[in-house]
Every structure is written in structure tokens, then in C-alpha cells.
């Protein structure tokens, strides 16, 4: 299961991102669970409390109180290495995404093909990072499920 969190203060944008993400993942046969948040503090508390681990965060940058960039910095300082895709109205913030190792930066209105490419990139990264321990003649071996 690929866990995705969407964080955007605008309800219409959140719903659009969620629908597009579901559509893309269904067409690519990616099993997902999506959780939506309307502010960065809510998402951060979910992650910190252990209530949610997400493989991918789709983050708006410009939000009241705490923006998506500040949230991303907090997560990176705590060595949370989840994939990030920023989605924003502001093109000016794009270069700052590199500071927090964001995988993509998309400008609203969202181009579905760019979102698809970003989600697929992050999903492949997730699959490549997964491993299981299997007994072998030489002892226990760490194997990626894709190699089985």
C-alpha cells in the first residue's frame, strides 16, 4: 500500500488533487490510501504522533500560519525522508524545493501528466527502497520485492 497525504488549505484544491491522484493511481494499478489535511500543523501532528506515515506528501506551499516549505524543513530536520511534491500558485518558490529535497514542484492549475510523472517517480522510488529479509544457505539476505 502506498500512503499519500495531501495538504492544502483550499478545499477545492484539496479535492481536485485527491481526485486526480486517485485517477492516476487507479489507471496505474497502484494500491493507495490518501489522507487529506487542511493545514501543515495537522499533518505534522499526525506524523509526529505516529498516527500517520506517508510515502508521499503532496504539499501546498502558501498556507496560513505554517507553509509547506516550513513543514518540509521540520520533517527533514527530524530525518523523515518521505517523498515531497510541492503544488503551488507561486513559481517563485520552486528553487527553494531543492533545499528540502523535493522530488517535484508543480504549479496550479495542475497538469495531470506532470502529476502522473511525479507520482510514478515517487512510487518507483518507494518500491526500490522496500526490502524483506529472507533466509538463505548463506544466512539471512535482504531482498527487494521487485527482485523476487
Protein backbone atom coordinates (compact mmCIF):
# COMPACT_ATOMS: atom_id res chain seq x y z
CA UNK A 1 0.00 0.00 0.00
CA UNK A 2 1.30 3.44 -1.00
CA UNK A 3 0.31 6.05 1.60
CA UNK A 4 -0.21 9.61 0.37
CA UNK A 5 -1.01 12.76 2.35
CA UNK A 6 -2.43 15.84 0.66
CA UNK A 7 -2.09 19.14 2.48
CA UNK A 8 -3.75 22.25 1.07
CA UNK A 9 -5.68 24.98 2.87
CA UNK A 10 -8.13 25.37 -0.04
CA UNK A 11 -10.85 22.72 -0.01
CA UNK A 12 -11.44 22.84 -3.78
CA UNK A 13 -7.73 22.37 -4.48
CA UNK A 14 -7.51 19.50 -1.97
CA UNK A 15 -10.45 17.76 -3.61
CA UNK A 16 -9.03 18.26 -7.11
CA UNK A 17 -5.62 16.92 -6.09
CA UNK A 18 -7.25 13.94 -4.40
CA UNK A 19 -9.41 13.11 -7.44
CA UNK A 20 -6.50 13.41 -9.86
CA UNK A 21 -4.26 11.32 -7.61
CA UNK A 22 -6.91 8.59 -7.29
CA UNK A 23 -7.49 8.59 -11.05
CA UNK A 24 -3.77 8.32 -11.79
CA UNK A 25 -3.16 5.57 -9.25
CA UNK A 26 -6.18 3.55 -10.38
CA UNK A 27 -5.04 3.73 -14.00
CA UNK A 28 -1.53 2.60 -12.96
CA UNK A 29 -2.83 -0.14 -10.58
CA UNK A 30 -1.09 1.46 -7.61
CA UNK A 31 -2.77 0.50 -4.32
CA UNK A 32 -3.14 3.72 -2.31
CA UNK A 33 -4.56 5.24 0.80
CA UNK A 34 -4.99 9.02 0.73
CA UNK A 35 -5.43 11.22 3.79
CA UNK A 36 -6.17 14.94 3.40
CA UNK A 37 -5.16 17.78 5.71
CA UNK A 38 -6.16 21.43 5.57
CA UNK A 39 -3.08 22.76 7.34
CA UNK A 40 0.55 21.88 7.90
CA UNK A 41 0.25 21.65 11.70
CA UNK A 42 -2.42 18.96 11.43
CA UNK A 43 -0.24 16.90 9.09
CA UNK A 44 2.86 17.37 11.23
CA UNK A 45 0.99 16.26 14.37
CA UNK A 46 -0.28 13.19 12.56
CA UNK A 47 3.25 12.24 11.55
CA UNK A 48 4.81 13.06 14.96
CA UNK A 49 2.17 11.18 16.94
CA UNK A 50 2.73 8.05 14.88
CA UNK A 51 -0.80 8.33 13.55
CA UNK A 52 0.42 8.50 10.00
CA UNK A 53 3.41 7.51 7.96
CA UNK A 54 3.21 8.66 4.37
CA UNK A 55 5.36 7.61 1.45
CA UNK A 56 4.41 10.76 -0.46
CA UNK A 57 3.32 14.24 0.62
CA UNK A 58 1.55 16.50 -1.88
CA UNK A 59 2.04 19.88 -0.22
CA UNK A 60 0.73 23.33 -0.96
CA UNK A 61 3.40 25.89 -0.17
CA UNK A 62 1.42 29.02 0.59
CA UNK A 63 -0.81 28.37 3.61
CA UNK A 64 -1.66 30.48 6.65
CA UNK A 65 0.32 30.03 9.88
CA UNK A 66 2.81 27.42 8.63
CA UNK A 67 3.58 26.96 4.95
CA UNK A 68 4.51 23.74 3.18
CA UNK A 69 8.18 24.70 2.91
CA UNK A 70 8.44 25.18 6.69
CA UNK A 71 6.76 21.81 7.23
CA UNK A 72 9.18 20.15 4.81
CA UNK A 73 12.14 21.68 6.68
CA UNK A 74 10.77 20.36 10.00
CA UNK A 75 10.41 16.88 8.56
CA UNK A 76 13.91 16.88 7.08
CA UNK A 77 15.41 18.13 10.36
CA UNK A 78 13.85 15.10 12.03
CA UNK A 79 15.25 12.89 9.27
CA UNK A 80 11.85 11.96 7.88
CA UNK A 81 12.70 11.05 4.31
CA UNK A 82 9.25 10.85 2.77
CA UNK A 83 8.91 11.96 -0.85
CA UNK A 84 7.66 15.51 -1.42
CA UNK A 85 5.83 17.07 -4.32
CA UNK A 86 5.05 20.74 -3.88
CA UNK A 87 1.94 22.14 -5.53
CA UNK A 88 1.56 25.91 -5.51
CA UNK A 89 0.33 29.02 -7.28
CA UNK A 90 3.77 30.56 -6.82
CA UNK A 91 6.53 29.83 -9.34
CA UNK A 92 8.98 31.91 -7.28
CA UNK A 93 9.30 29.24 -4.58
CA UNK A 94 10.30 26.44 -6.98
CA UNK A 95 14.06 26.67 -6.44
CA UNK A 96 13.61 26.50 -2.66
CA UNK A 97 12.21 22.99 -3.11
CA UNK A 98 15.77 21.76 -3.67
CA UNK A 99 16.64 22.83 -0.10
CA UNK A 100 14.36 20.09 1.26
CA UNK A 101 14.97 17.52 -1.47
CA UNK A 102 11.54 17.80 -3.06
CA UNK A 103 11.00 15.42 -5.96
CA UNK A 104 8.80 17.78 -7.98
CA UNK A 105 7.33 21.28 -7.96
CA UNK A 106 4.00 21.67 -9.77
CA UNK A 107 2.20 24.92 -10.45
CA UNK A 108 -1.57 25.26 -10.13
CA UNK A 109 -3.71 24.58 -12.04
CA UNK A 110 -2.23 21.10 -12.03
CA UNK A 111 -1.20 19.49 -15.28
CA UNK A 112 -2.36 15.86 -14.91
CA UNK A 113 0.53 14.47 -16.96
CA UNK A 114 3.09 16.21 -14.72
CA UNK A 115 1.35 14.96 -11.57
CA UNK A 116 1.29 11.43 -13.06
CA UNK A 117 5.01 11.58 -13.79
CA UNK A 118 5.76 12.83 -10.27
CA UNK A 119 3.61 10.19 -8.56
CA UNK A 120 5.11 7.40 -10.68
CA UNK A 121 8.64 8.64 -9.94
CA UNK A 122 7.93 8.62 -6.19
CA UNK A 123 6.18 5.24 -6.32
CA UNK A 124 9.16 3.65 -8.11
CA UNK A 125 11.48 5.21 -5.53
CA UNK A 126 9.31 3.70 -2.78
CA UNK A 127 9.35 0.25 -4.43
CA UNK A 128 13.13 0.38 -4.78
CA UNK A 129 13.53 1.24 -1.09
CA UNK A 130 11.42 -1.69 0.12
CA UNK A 131 13.15 -4.87 1.19
CA UNK A 132 12.38 -8.05 3.06
CA UNK A 133 14.65 -10.45 4.90
CA UNK A 134 14.77 -13.99 3.52
CA UNK A 135 16.66 -16.98 4.88
CA UNK A 136 19.22 -18.45 2.51
CA UNK A 137 22.03 -21.01 2.63
CA UNK A 138 24.46 -18.17 3.37
CA UNK A 139 22.31 -16.71 6.17
CA UNK A 140 19.65 -14.01 6.09
CA UNK A 141 19.55 -11.98 2.89
CA UNK A 142 17.96 -8.58 2.27
CA UNK A 143 15.95 -8.69 -0.97
CA UNK A 144 13.82 -6.08 -2.77
CA UNK A 145 10.33 -7.49 -3.54
CA UNK A 146 10.75 -6.42 -7.17
CA UNK A 147 13.70 -8.85 -7.43
CA UNK A 148 11.65 -11.88 -6.36
